[in-house]
Amino acid sequence: MEACNAHGLYCVPLYDTLGAGAIEFIICHAEISIAFVEEKKIPDVLLLKLFVTSVSSYKA
């Protein structure tokens, strides 16, 4: 997180225990443009991508 802050970037952690609705809400309201995703969670995140258009890039 310190590296992100040094470059003026903000880290927004998303925990799967929050549920898909909360994660979708956070992504939409935090203006997230890139998301780093655990490999086994990619299918779940790709389903969210159908509803969330603000994220332009996903990285596993």
N, C-alpha and C. Protein backbone atom coordinates (compact mmCIF):
# COMPACT_ATOMS: atom_id res chain seq x y z
N MET A 1 0.81 -1.19 0.00
CA MET A 1 0.00 0.00 0.00
C MET A 1 0.86 1.26 0.00
N GLU A 2 2.00 1.21 0.65
CA GLU A 2 2.87 2.38 0.69
C GLU A 2 3.37 2.74 -0.69
N ALA A 3 3.64 1.73 -1.52
CA ALA A 3 4.10 1.99 -2.89
C ALA A 3 3.01 2.69 -3.69
N CYS A 4 1.78 2.26 -3.52
CA CYS A 4 0.66 2.92 -4.20
C CYS A 4 0.55 4.37 -3.76
N ASN A 5 0.61 4.60 -2.46
CA ASN A 5 0.50 5.96 -1.93
C ASN A 5 1.63 6.86 -2.43
N ALA A 6 2.83 6.30 -2.58
CA ALA A 6 3.96 7.08 -3.05
C ALA A 6 3.75 7.58 -4.48
N HIS A 7 2.93 6.87 -5.24
CA HIS A 7 2.66 7.26 -6.63
C HIS A 7 1.28 7.92 -6.79
N GLY A 8 0.66 8.26 -5.68
CA GLY A 8 -0.63 8.92 -5.74
C GLY A 8 -1.77 7.99 -6.12
N LEU A 9 -1.59 6.69 -5.91
CA LEU A 9 -2.61 5.71 -6.21
C LEU A 9 -3.27 5.24 -4.92
N TYR A 10 -4.48 4.78 -5.02
CA TYR A 10 -5.20 4.30 -3.85
C TYR A 10 -5.50 2.82 -4.01
N CYS A 11 -5.26 2.07 -2.97
CA CYS A 11 -5.54 0.64 -2.94
C CYS A 11 -6.90 0.44 -2.26
N VAL A 12 -7.80 -0.22 -2.95
CA VAL A 12 -9.13 -0.49 -2.40
C VAL A 12 -9.29 -2.00 -2.28
N PRO A 13 -9.07 -2.55 -1.09
CA PRO A 13 -9.20 -4.00 -0.94
C PRO A 13 -10.66 -4.46 -1.05
N LEU A 14 -10.84 -5.56 -1.74
CA LEU A 14 -12.17 -6.15 -1.90
C LEU A 14 -12.12 -7.57 -1.35
N TYR A 15 -12.93 -7.86 -0.38
CA TYR A 15 -12.96 -9.17 0.24
C TYR A 15 -14.20 -9.92 -0.21
N ASP A 16 -14.02 -11.18 -0.62
CA ASP A 16 -15.16 -11.95 -1.13
C ASP A 16 -16.20 -12.22 -0.06
N THR A 17 -15.84 -12.05 1.20
CA THR A 17 -16.81 -12.25 2.27
C THR A 17 -17.86 -11.14 2.29
N LEU A 18 -17.60 -10.04 1.59
CA LEU A 18 -18.57 -8.95 1.51
C LEU A 18 -19.77 -9.31 0.64
N GLY A 19 -19.56 -10.23 -0.29
CA GLY A 19 -20.63 -10.62 -1.20
C GLY A 19 -20.55 -9.84 -2.51
N ALA A 20 -21.14 -10.40 -3.55
CA ALA A 20 -21.05 -9.82 -4.89
C ALA A 20 -21.68 -8.43 -4.96
N GLY A 21 -22.78 -8.23 -4.27
CA GLY A 21 -23.45 -6.93 -4.30
C GLY A 21 -22.58 -5.82 -3.73
N ALA A 22 -21.92 -6.09 -2.62
CA ALA A 22 -21.06 -5.09 -1.99
C ALA A 22 -19.84 -4.81 -2.85
N ILE A 23 -19.28 -5.85 -3.45
CA ILE A 23 -18.11 -5.67 -4.30
C ILE A 23 -18.47 -4.84 -5.53
N GLU A 24 -19.60 -5.13 -6.13
CA GLU A 24 -20.06 -4.34 -7.27
C GLU A 24 -20.25 -2.88 -6.88
N PHE A 25 -20.85 -2.63 -5.72
CA PHE A 25 -21.07 -1.27 -5.23
C PHE A 25 -19.74 -0.54 -5.05
N ILE A 26 -18.77 -1.20 -4.42
CA ILE A 26 -17.46 -0.58 -4.17
C ILE A 26 -16.76 -0.26 -5.47
N ILE A 27 -16.77 -1.20 -6.42
CA ILE A 27 -16.10 -0.97 -7.71
C ILE A 27 -16.73 0.21 -8.43
N CYS A 28 -18.03 0.29 -8.42
CA CYS A 28 -18.72 1.39 -9.12
C CYS A 28 -18.46 2.74 -8.46
N HIS A 29 -18.43 2.79 -7.15
CA HIS A 29 -18.31 4.06 -6.46
C HIS A 29 -16.87 4.49 -6.19
N ALA A 30 -15.92 3.58 -6.31
CA ALA A 30 -14.52 3.93 -6.08
C ALA A 30 -13.82 4.31 -7.38
N GLU A 31 -14.54 4.29 -8.50
CA GLU A 31 -13.97 4.64 -9.80
C GLU A 31 -12.72 3.81 -10.10
N ILE A 32 -12.80 2.52 -9.85
CA ILE A 32 -11.67 1.61 -10.06
C ILE A 32 -11.46 1.40 -11.55
N SER A 33 -10.20 1.53 -11.99
CA SER A 33 -9.91 1.33 -13.41
C SER A 33 -9.14 0.04 -13.65
N ILE A 34 -8.55 -0.56 -12.62
CA ILE A 34 -7.83 -1.82 -12.76
C ILE A 34 -8.07 -2.65 -11.51
N ALA A 35 -8.20 -3.95 -11.69
CA ALA A 35 -8.43 -4.84 -10.56
C ALA A 35 -7.48 -6.03 -10.65
N PHE A 36 -6.80 -6.33 -9.57
CA PHE A 36 -5.96 -7.52 -9.48
C PHE A 36 -6.78 -8.58 -8.76
N VAL A 37 -6.88 -9.76 -9.37
CA VAL A 37 -7.80 -10.78 -8.89
C VAL A 37 -7.07 -12.11 -8.70
N GLU A 38 -7.39 -12.79 -7.61
CA GLU A 38 -6.86 -14.14 -7.39
C GLU A 38 -7.39 -15.06 -8.49
N GLU A 39 -6.53 -15.93 -8.99
CA GLU A 39 -6.87 -16.75 -10.15
C GLU A 39 -8.18 -17.52 -10.00
N LYS A 40 -8.42 -18.08 -8.83
CA LYS A 40 -9.64 -18.87 -8.65
C LYS A 40 -10.91 -18.00 -8.58
N LYS A 41 -10.74 -16.68 -8.45
CA LYS A 41 -11.89 -15.77 -8.38
C LYS A 41 -12.22 -15.13 -9.72
N ILE A 42 -11.43 -15.41 -10.75
CA ILE A 42 -11.63 -14.78 -12.05
C ILE A 42 -13.04 -15.02 -12.59
N PRO A 43 -13.57 -16.25 -12.57
CA PRO A 43 -14.93 -16.44 -13.10
C PRO A 43 -15.98 -15.55 -12.40
N ASP A 44 -15.86 -15.41 -11.08
CA ASP A 44 -16.80 -14.57 -10.34
C ASP A 44 -16.69 -13.11 -10.74
N VAL A 45 -15.45 -12.65 -10.91
CA VAL A 45 -15.23 -11.25 -11.26
C VAL A 45 -15.68 -10.98 -12.70
N LEU A 46 -15.49 -11.95 -13.57
CA LEU A 46 -15.94 -11.76 -14.95
C LEU A 46 -17.45 -11.66 -15.02
N LEU A 47 -18.15 -12.35 -14.15
CA LEU A 47 -19.61 -12.19 -14.09
C LEU A 47 -19.97 -10.78 -13.66
N LEU A 48 -19.21 -10.23 -12.71
CA LEU A 48 -19.45 -8.85 -12.28
C LEU A 48 -19.17 -7.87 -13.41
N LYS A 49 -18.20 -8.21 -14.26
CA LYS A 49 -17.81 -7.30 -15.34
C LYS A 49 -18.99 -7.02 -16.27
N LEU A 50 -19.92 -7.95 -16.35
CA LEU A 50 -21.09 -7.72 -17.18
C LEU A 50 -21.90 -6.53 -16.68
N PHE A 51 -21.81 -6.26 -15.37
CA PHE A 51 -22.59 -5.19 -14.76
C PHE A 51 -21.75 -3.97 -14.44
N VAL A 52 -20.43 -4.16 -14.33
CA VAL A 52 -19.54 -3.06 -13.94
C VAL A 52 -18.70 -2.67 -15.15
N THR A 53 -18.92 -1.51 -15.68
CA THR A 53 -18.19 -1.09 -16.88
C THR A 53 -17.04 -0.14 -16.58
N SER A 54 -16.86 0.28 -15.32
CA SER A 54 -15.82 1.25 -15.01
C SER A 54 -14.42 0.63 -15.02
N VAL A 55 -14.32 -0.68 -14.80
CA VAL A 55 -13.00 -1.33 -14.76
C VAL A 55 -12.59 -1.65 -16.19
N SER A 56 -11.46 -1.08 -16.60
CA SER A 56 -11.01 -1.30 -17.97
C SER A 56 -10.03 -2.46 -18.09
N SER A 57 -9.46 -2.91 -16.97
CA SER A 57 -8.44 -3.96 -17.04
C SER A 57 -8.49 -4.81 -15.78
N TYR A 58 -8.41 -6.11 -15.99
CA TYR A 58 -8.33 -7.07 -14.88
C TYR A 58 -7.03 -7.84 -15.01
N LYS A 59 -6.32 -8.05 -13.91
CA LYS A 59 -5.05 -8.80 -13.91
C LYS A 59 -5.15 -9.92 -12.90
N ALA A 60 -4.73 -11.11 -13.32
CA ALA A 60 -4.71 -12.26 -12.42
C ALA A 60 -3.34 -12.43 -11.83
